[in-house]
Amino acid sequence: MAGAGARALGIKVHPAAAAAALAISFTTHYAADRRVPGKSLLERIATTTGKGGFYLDALRGVGLDALAA
């Protein structure tokens, strides 16, 4: 299950460990990519930490280039 890079470097990756890592990665990326207004995990985290404005700016497409102008 490990890629060619791990084999080339001589790194041994247990298949179960690689499968667990992929499952965790899938789950966290899925949760982060769900952008349903008012129900998003990232929106709740941003609001809780006081960064909700940044989250809303990202939804509207306001990037750093617009803020610098």
PDB file of N, CA and C in Angstrom:
ATOM      1  N   MET A   1       0.823  -1.184   0.000  1.00  0.00           N
ATOM      2  CA  MET A   1       0.000   0.000   0.000  1.00  0.00           C
ATOM      3  C   MET A   1       0.873   1.256   0.000  1.00  0.00           C
ATOM      4  N   ALA A   2       2.074   1.147   0.512  1.00  0.00           N
ATOM      5  CA  ALA A   2       2.969   2.303   0.509  1.00  0.00           C
ATOM      6  C   ALA A   2       3.403   2.596  -0.915  1.00  0.00           C
ATOM      7  N   GLY A   3       3.685   3.865  -1.183  1.00  0.00           N
ATOM      8  CA  GLY A   3       4.045   4.278  -2.528  1.00  0.00           C
ATOM      9  C   GLY A   3       5.476   3.950  -2.892  1.00  0.00           C
ATOM     10  N   ALA A   4       5.789   4.265  -4.128  1.00  0.00           N
ATOM     11  CA  ALA A   4       7.124   4.003  -4.658  1.00  0.00           C
ATOM     12  C   ALA A   4       8.182   4.812  -3.906  1.00  0.00           C
ATOM     13  N   GLY A   5       7.796   6.006  -3.430  1.00  0.00           N
ATOM     14  CA  GLY A   5       8.751   6.839  -2.692  1.00  0.00           C
ATOM     15  C   GLY A   5       9.215   6.177  -1.411  1.00  0.00           C
ATOM     16  N   ALA A   6       8.285   5.546  -0.693  1.00  0.00           N
ATOM     17  CA  ALA A   6       8.654   4.853   0.543  1.00  0.00           C
ATOM     18  C   ALA A   6       9.556   3.678   0.238  1.00  0.00           C
ATOM     19  N   ARG A   7       9.233   2.962  -0.826  1.00  0.00           N
ATOM     20  CA  ARG A   7      10.085   1.824  -1.203  1.00  0.00           C
ATOM     21  C   ARG A   7      11.469   2.298  -1.606  1.00  0.00           C
ATOM     22  N   ALA A   8      11.542   3.391  -2.358  1.00  0.00           N
ATOM     23  CA  ALA A   8      12.841   3.909  -2.807  1.00  0.00           C
ATOM     24  C   ALA A   8      13.699   4.355  -1.626  1.00  0.00           C
ATOM     25  N   LEU A   9      13.050   4.868  -0.590  1.00  0.00           N
ATOM     26  CA  LEU A   9      13.788   5.325   0.584  1.00  0.00           C
ATOM     27  C   LEU A   9      14.032   4.211   1.589  1.00  0.00           C
ATOM     28  N   GLY A  10      13.482   3.046   1.331  1.00  0.00           N
ATOM     29  CA  GLY A  10      13.670   1.925   2.234  1.00  0.00           C
ATOM     30  C   GLY A  10      12.814   2.002   3.477  1.00  0.00           C
ATOM     31  N   ILE A  11      11.733   2.761   3.415  1.00  0.00           N
ATOM     32  CA  ILE A  11      10.832   2.905   4.563  1.00  0.00           C
ATOM     33  C   ILE A  11       9.802   1.793   4.509  1.00  0.00           C
ATOM     34  N   LYS A  12       9.672   1.077   5.617  1.00  0.00           N
ATOM     35  CA  LYS A  12       8.697   0.000   5.682  1.00  0.00           C
ATOM     36  C   LYS A  12       7.419   0.531   6.314  1.00  0.00           C
ATOM     37  N   VAL A  13       6.325   0.390   5.591  1.00  0.00           N
ATOM     38  CA  VAL A  13       5.029   0.849   6.070  1.00  0.00           C
ATOM     39  C   VAL A  13       4.114  -0.356   6.187  1.00  0.00           C
ATOM     40  N   HIS A  14       3.583  -0.573   7.391  1.00  0.00           N
ATOM     41  CA  HIS A  14       2.670  -1.686   7.599  1.00  0.00           C
ATOM     42  C   HIS A  14       1.360  -1.384   6.873  1.00  0.00           C
ATOM     43  N   PRO A  15       0.828  -2.330   6.120  1.00  0.00           N
ATOM     44  CA  PRO A  15      -0.395  -2.083   5.354  1.00  0.00           C
ATOM     45  C   PRO A  15      -1.567  -1.602   6.213  1.00  0.00           C
ATOM     46  N   ALA A  16      -1.724  -2.136   7.407  1.00  0.00           N
ATOM     47  CA  ALA A  16      -2.826  -1.710   8.278  1.00  0.00           C
ATOM     48  C   ALA A  16      -2.633  -0.265   8.728  1.00  0.00           C
ATOM     49  N   ALA A  17      -1.396   0.122   8.995  1.00  0.00           N
ATOM     50  CA  ALA A  17      -1.119   1.504   9.392  1.00  0.00           C
ATOM     51  C   ALA A  17      -1.410   2.461   8.238  1.00  0.00           C
ATOM     52  N   ALA A  18      -1.027   2.064   7.029  1.00  0.00           N
ATOM     53  CA  ALA A  18      -1.303   2.902   5.864  1.00  0.00           C
ATOM     54  C   ALA A  18      -2.803   3.018   5.625  1.00  0.00           C
ATOM     55  N   ALA A  19      -3.533   1.917   5.784  1.00  0.00           N
ATOM     56  CA  ALA A  19      -4.987   1.947   5.601  1.00  0.00           C
ATOM     57  C   ALA A  19      -5.649   2.832   6.654  1.00  0.00           C
ATOM     58  N   ALA A  20      -5.187   2.764   7.896  1.00  0.00           N
ATOM     59  CA  ALA A  20      -5.741   3.604   8.958  1.00  0.00           C
ATOM     60  C   ALA A  20      -5.464   5.079   8.676  1.00  0.00           C
ATOM     61  N   ALA A  21      -4.264   5.384   8.227  1.00  0.00           N
ATOM     62  CA  ALA A  21      -3.914   6.769   7.911  1.00  0.00           C
ATOM     63  C   ALA A  21      -4.776   7.296   6.771  1.00  0.00           C
ATOM     64  N   LEU A  22      -5.004   6.481   5.754  1.00  0.00           N
ATOM     65  CA  LEU A  22      -5.855   6.907   4.645  1.00  0.00           C
ATOM     66  C   LEU A  22      -7.296   7.120   5.087  1.00  0.00           C
ATOM     67  N   ALA A  23      -7.787   6.273   5.988  1.00  0.00           N
ATOM     68  CA  ALA A  23      -9.156   6.423   6.489  1.00  0.00           C
ATOM     69  C   ALA A  23      -9.299   7.715   7.283  1.00  0.00           C
ATOM     70  N   ILE A  24      -8.313   8.031   8.108  1.00  0.00           N
ATOM     71  CA  ILE A  24      -8.350   9.275   8.886  1.00  0.00           C
ATOM     72  C   ILE A  24      -8.268  10.476   7.951  1.00  0.00           C
ATOM     73  N   SER A  25      -7.391  10.399   6.965  1.00  0.00           N
ATOM     74  CA  SER A  25      -7.243  11.491   6.007  1.00  0.00           C
ATOM     75  C   SER A  25      -8.543  11.721   5.238  1.00  0.00           C
ATOM     76  N   PHE A  26      -9.162  10.637   4.779  1.00  0.00           N
ATOM     77  CA  PHE A  26     -10.427  10.752   4.049  1.00  0.00           C
ATOM     78  C   PHE A  26     -11.484  11.417   4.922  1.00  0.00           C
ATOM     79  N   THR A  27     -11.600  10.965   6.159  1.00  0.00           N
ATOM     80  CA  THR A  27     -12.636  11.481   7.059  1.00  0.00           C
ATOM     81  C   THR A  27     -12.444  12.956   7.354  1.00  0.00           C
ATOM     82  N   THR A  28     -11.223  13.365   7.653  1.00  0.00           N
ATOM     83  CA  THR A  28     -10.984  14.765   7.987  1.00  0.00           C
ATOM     84  C   THR A  28     -11.141  15.664   6.759  1.00  0.00           C
ATOM     85  N   HIS A  29     -10.693  15.205   5.598  1.00  0.00           N
ATOM     86  CA  HIS A  29     -10.853  16.008   4.384  1.00  0.00           C
ATOM     87  C   HIS A  29     -12.325  16.105   3.983  1.00  0.00           C
ATOM     88  N   TYR A  30     -13.072  15.036   4.149  1.00  0.00           N
ATOM     89  CA  TYR A  30     -14.497  15.065   3.845  1.00  0.00           C
ATOM     90  C   TYR A  30     -15.204  16.078   4.752  1.00  0.00           C
ATOM     91  N   ALA A  31     -14.895  16.045   6.041  1.00  0.00           N
ATOM     92  CA  ALA A  31     -15.519  16.976   6.989  1.00  0.00           C
ATOM     93  C   ALA A  31     -15.143  18.422   6.653  1.00  0.00           C
ATOM     94  N   ALA A  32     -13.901  18.642   6.273  1.00  0.00           N
ATOM     95  CA  ALA A  32     -13.442  19.997   5.966  1.00  0.00           C
ATOM     96  C   ALA A  32     -14.046  20.519   4.668  1.00  0.00           C
ATOM     97  N   ASP A  33     -14.302  19.647   3.713  1.00  0.00           N
ATOM     98  CA  ASP A  33     -14.809  20.067   2.408  1.00  0.00           C
ATOM     99  C   ASP A  33     -16.314  20.281   2.368  1.00  0.00           C
ATOM    100  N   ARG A  34     -17.035  19.847   3.383  1.00  0.00           N
ATOM    101  CA  ARG A  34     -18.490  20.049   3.413  1.00  0.00           C
ATOM    102  C   ARG A  34     -18.768  21.487   3.825  1.00  0.00           C
ATOM    103  N   ARG A  35     -19.135  22.306   2.874  1.00  0.00           N
ATOM    104  CA  ARG A  35     -19.369  23.728   3.159  1.00  0.00           C
ATOM    105  C   ARG A  35     -20.842  24.059   3.018  1.00  0.00           C
ATOM    106  N   VAL A  36     -21.633  23.503   3.895  1.00  0.00           N
ATOM    107  CA  VAL A  36     -23.056  23.798   3.956  1.00  0.00           C
ATOM    108  C   VAL A  36     -23.223  24.960   4.932  1.00  0.00           C
ATOM    109  N   PRO A  37     -23.732  26.101   4.466  1.00  0.00           N
ATOM    110  CA  PRO A  37     -23.845  27.259   5.359  1.00  0.00           C
ATOM    111  C   PRO A  37     -24.581  26.928   6.659  1.00  0.00           C
ATOM    112  N   GLY A  38     -23.940  27.258   7.774  1.00  0.00           N
ATOM    113  CA  GLY A  38     -24.523  27.030   9.081  1.00  0.00           C
ATOM    114  C   GLY A  38     -24.298  25.641   9.646  1.00  0.00           C
ATOM    115  N   LYS A  39     -23.798  24.706   8.843  1.00  0.00           N
ATOM    116  CA  LYS A  39     -23.613  23.333   9.308  1.00  0.00           C
ATOM    117  C   LYS A  39     -22.190  22.826   9.147  1.00  0.00           C
ATOM    118  N   SER A  40     -21.318  23.637   8.614  1.00  0.00           N
ATOM    119  CA  SER A  40     -19.959  23.222   8.321  1.00  0.00           C
ATOM    120  C   SER A  40     -19.120  23.076   9.587  1.00  0.00           C
ATOM    121  N   LEU A  41     -18.332  22.021   9.648  1.00  0.00           N
ATOM    122  CA  LEU A  41     -17.424  21.815  10.768  1.00  0.00           C
ATOM    123  C   LEU A  41     -16.413  22.957  10.851  1.00  0.00           C
ATOM    124  N   LEU A  42     -15.862  23.341   9.713  1.00  0.00           N
ATOM    125  CA  LEU A  42     -14.880  24.429   9.716  1.00  0.00           C
ATOM    126  C   LEU A  42     -15.511  25.752  10.136  1.00  0.00           C
ATOM    127  N   GLU A  43     -16.764  25.973   9.744  1.00  0.00           N
ATOM    128  CA  GLU A  43     -17.439  27.205  10.143  1.00  0.00           C
ATOM    129  C   GLU A  43     -17.633  27.249  11.658  1.00  0.00           C
ATOM    130  N   ARG A  44     -18.023  26.117  12.240  1.00  0.00           N
ATOM    131  CA  ARG A  44     -18.188  26.072  13.698  1.00  0.00           C
ATOM    132  C   ARG A  44     -16.870  26.300  14.418  1.00  0.00           C
ATOM    133  N   ILE A  45     -15.802  25.682  13.917  1.00  0.00           N
ATOM    134  CA  ILE A  45     -14.489  25.865  14.532  1.00  0.00           C
ATOM    135  C   ILE A  45     -14.046  27.322  14.408  1.00  0.00           C
ATOM    136  N   ALA A  46     -14.220  27.906  13.223  1.00  0.00           N
ATOM    137  CA  ALA A  46     -13.817  29.299  13.007  1.00  0.00           C
ATOM    138  C   ALA A  46     -14.608  30.246  13.904  1.00  0.00           C
ATOM    139  N   THR A  47     -15.901  30.029  14.005  1.00  0.00           N
ATOM    140  CA  THR A  47     -16.739  30.889  14.836  1.00  0.00           C
ATOM    141  C   THR A  47     -16.366  30.754  16.305  1.00  0.00           C
ATOM    142  N   THR A  48     -16.128  29.526  16.746  1.00  0.00           N
ATOM    143  CA  THR A  48     -15.775  29.276  18.143  1.00  0.00           C
ATOM    144  C   THR A  48     -14.455  29.947  18.512  1.00  0.00           C
ATOM    145  N   THR A  49     -13.514  29.955  17.572  1.00  0.00           N
ATOM    146  CA  THR A  49     -12.202  30.538  17.851  1.00  0.00           C
ATOM    147  C   THR A  49     -12.134  32.029  17.524  1.00  0.00           C
ATOM    148  N   GLY A  50     -13.268  32.613  17.124  1.00  0.00           N
ATOM    149  CA  GLY A  50     -13.293  34.035  16.821  1.00  0.00           C
ATOM    150  C   GLY A  50     -12.805  34.396  15.437  1.00  0.00           C
ATOM    151  N   LYS A  51     -12.711  33.423  14.544  1.00  0.00           N
ATOM    152  CA  LYS A  51     -12.225  33.672  13.189  1.00  0.00           C
ATOM    153  C   LYS A  51     -13.310  33.472  12.132  1.00  0.00           C
ATOM    154  N   GLY A  52     -14.562  33.590  12.534  1.00  0.00           N
ATOM    155  CA  GLY A  52     -15.672  33.385  11.612  1.00  0.00           C
ATOM    156  C   GLY A  52     -15.645  34.333  10.426  1.00  0.00           C
ATOM    157  N   GLY A  53     -15.155  35.547  10.641  1.00  0.00           N
ATOM    158  CA  GLY A  53     -15.059  36.511   9.541  1.00  0.00           C
ATOM    159  C   GLY A  53     -14.134  36.038   8.436  1.00  0.00           C
ATOM    160  N   PHE A  54     -13.027  35.439   8.804  1.00  0.00           N
ATOM    161  CA  PHE A  54     -12.100  34.909   7.803  1.00  0.00           C
ATOM    162  C   PHE A  54     -12.749  33.789   7.011  1.00  0.00           C
ATOM    163  N   TYR A  55     -13.497  32.947   7.708  1.00  0.00           N
ATOM    164  CA  TYR A  55     -14.189  31.842   7.031  1.00  0.00           C
ATOM    165  C   TYR A  55     -15.194  32.399   6.030  1.00  0.00           C
ATOM    166  N   LEU A  56     -15.970  33.394   6.443  1.00  0.00           N
ATOM    167  CA  LEU A  56     -16.973  33.974   5.544  1.00  0.00           C
ATOM    168  C   LEU A  56     -16.316  34.688   4.367  1.00  0.00           C
ATOM    169  N   ASP A  57     -15.182  35.350   4.594  1.00  0.00           N
ATOM    170  CA  ASP A  57     -14.450  35.979   3.493  1.00  0.00           C
ATOM    171  C   ASP A  57     -14.013  34.941   2.466  1.00  0.00           C
ATOM    172  N   ALA A  58     -13.556  33.790   2.945  1.00  0.00           N
ATOM    173  CA  ALA A  58     -13.121  32.726   2.032  1.00  0.00           C
ATOM    174  C   ALA A  58     -14.301  32.210   1.216  1.00  0.00           C
ATOM    175  N   LEU A  59     -15.470  32.122   1.828  1.00  0.00           N
ATOM    176  CA  LEU A  59     -16.651  31.671   1.092  1.00  0.00           C
ATOM    177  C   LEU A  59     -17.026  32.657  -0.006  1.00  0.00           C
ATOM    178  N   ARG A  60     -16.815  33.947   0.265  1.00  0.00           N
ATOM    179  CA  ARG A  60     -17.142  34.977  -0.726  1.00  0.00           C
ATOM    180  C   ARG A  60     -16.038  35.157  -1.752  1.00  0.00           C
ATOM    181  N   GLY A  61     -14.916  34.471  -1.557  1.00  0.00           N
ATOM    182  CA  GLY A  61     -13.814  34.551  -2.514  1.00  0.00           C
ATOM    183  C   GLY A  61     -12.882  35.721  -2.278  1.00  0.00           C
ATOM    184  N   VAL A  62     -12.907  36.276  -1.086  1.00  0.00           N
ATOM    185  CA  VAL A  62     -11.993  37.374  -0.763  1.00  0.00           C
ATOM    186  C   VAL A  62     -10.665  36.758  -0.369  1.00  0.00           C
ATOM    187  N   GLY A  63      -9.658  37.002  -1.164  1.00  0.00           N
ATOM    188  CA  GLY A  63      -8.335  36.437  -0.883  1.00  0.00           C
ATOM    189  C   GLY A  63      -7.392  37.504  -0.339  1.00  0.00           C
ATOM    190  N   LEU A  64      -6.166  37.096  -0.070  1.00  0.00           N
ATOM    191  CA  LEU A  64      -5.181  38.029   0.465  1.00  0.00           C
ATOM    192  C   LEU A  64      -4.871  39.153  -0.507  1.00  0.00           C
ATOM    193  N   ASP A  65      -4.980  38.873  -1.816  1.00  0.00           N
ATOM    194  CA  ASP A  65      -4.692  39.908  -2.809  1.00  0.00           C
ATOM    195  C   ASP A  65      -5.723  41.044  -2.707  1.00  0.00           C
ATOM    196  N   ALA A  66      -6.976  40.737  -2.408  1.00  0.00           N
ATOM    197  CA  ALA A  66      -8.006  41.762  -2.272  1.00  0.00           C
ATOM    198  C   ALA A  66      -7.815  42.561  -0.995  1.00  0.00           C
ATOM    199  N   LEU A  67      -7.312  41.905   0.046  1.00  0.00           N
ATOM    200  CA  LEU A  67      -7.108  42.603   1.313  1.00  0.00           C
ATOM    201  C   LEU A  67      -5.906  43.535   1.256  1.00  0.00           C
ATOM    202  N   ALA A  68      -4.928  43.232   0.411  1.00  0.00           N
ATOM    203  CA  ALA A  68      -3.718  44.031   0.312  1.00  0.00           C
ATOM    204  C   ALA A  68      -3.954  45.310  -0.490  1.00  0.00           C
ATOM    205  N   ALA A  69      -4.984  45.342  -1.302  1.00  0.00           N
ATOM    206  CA  ALA A  69      -5.223  46.497  -2.177  1.00  0.00           C
ATOM    207  C   ALA A  69      -5.808  47.671  -1.439  1.00  0.00           C
TER     208      ALA A  69
END
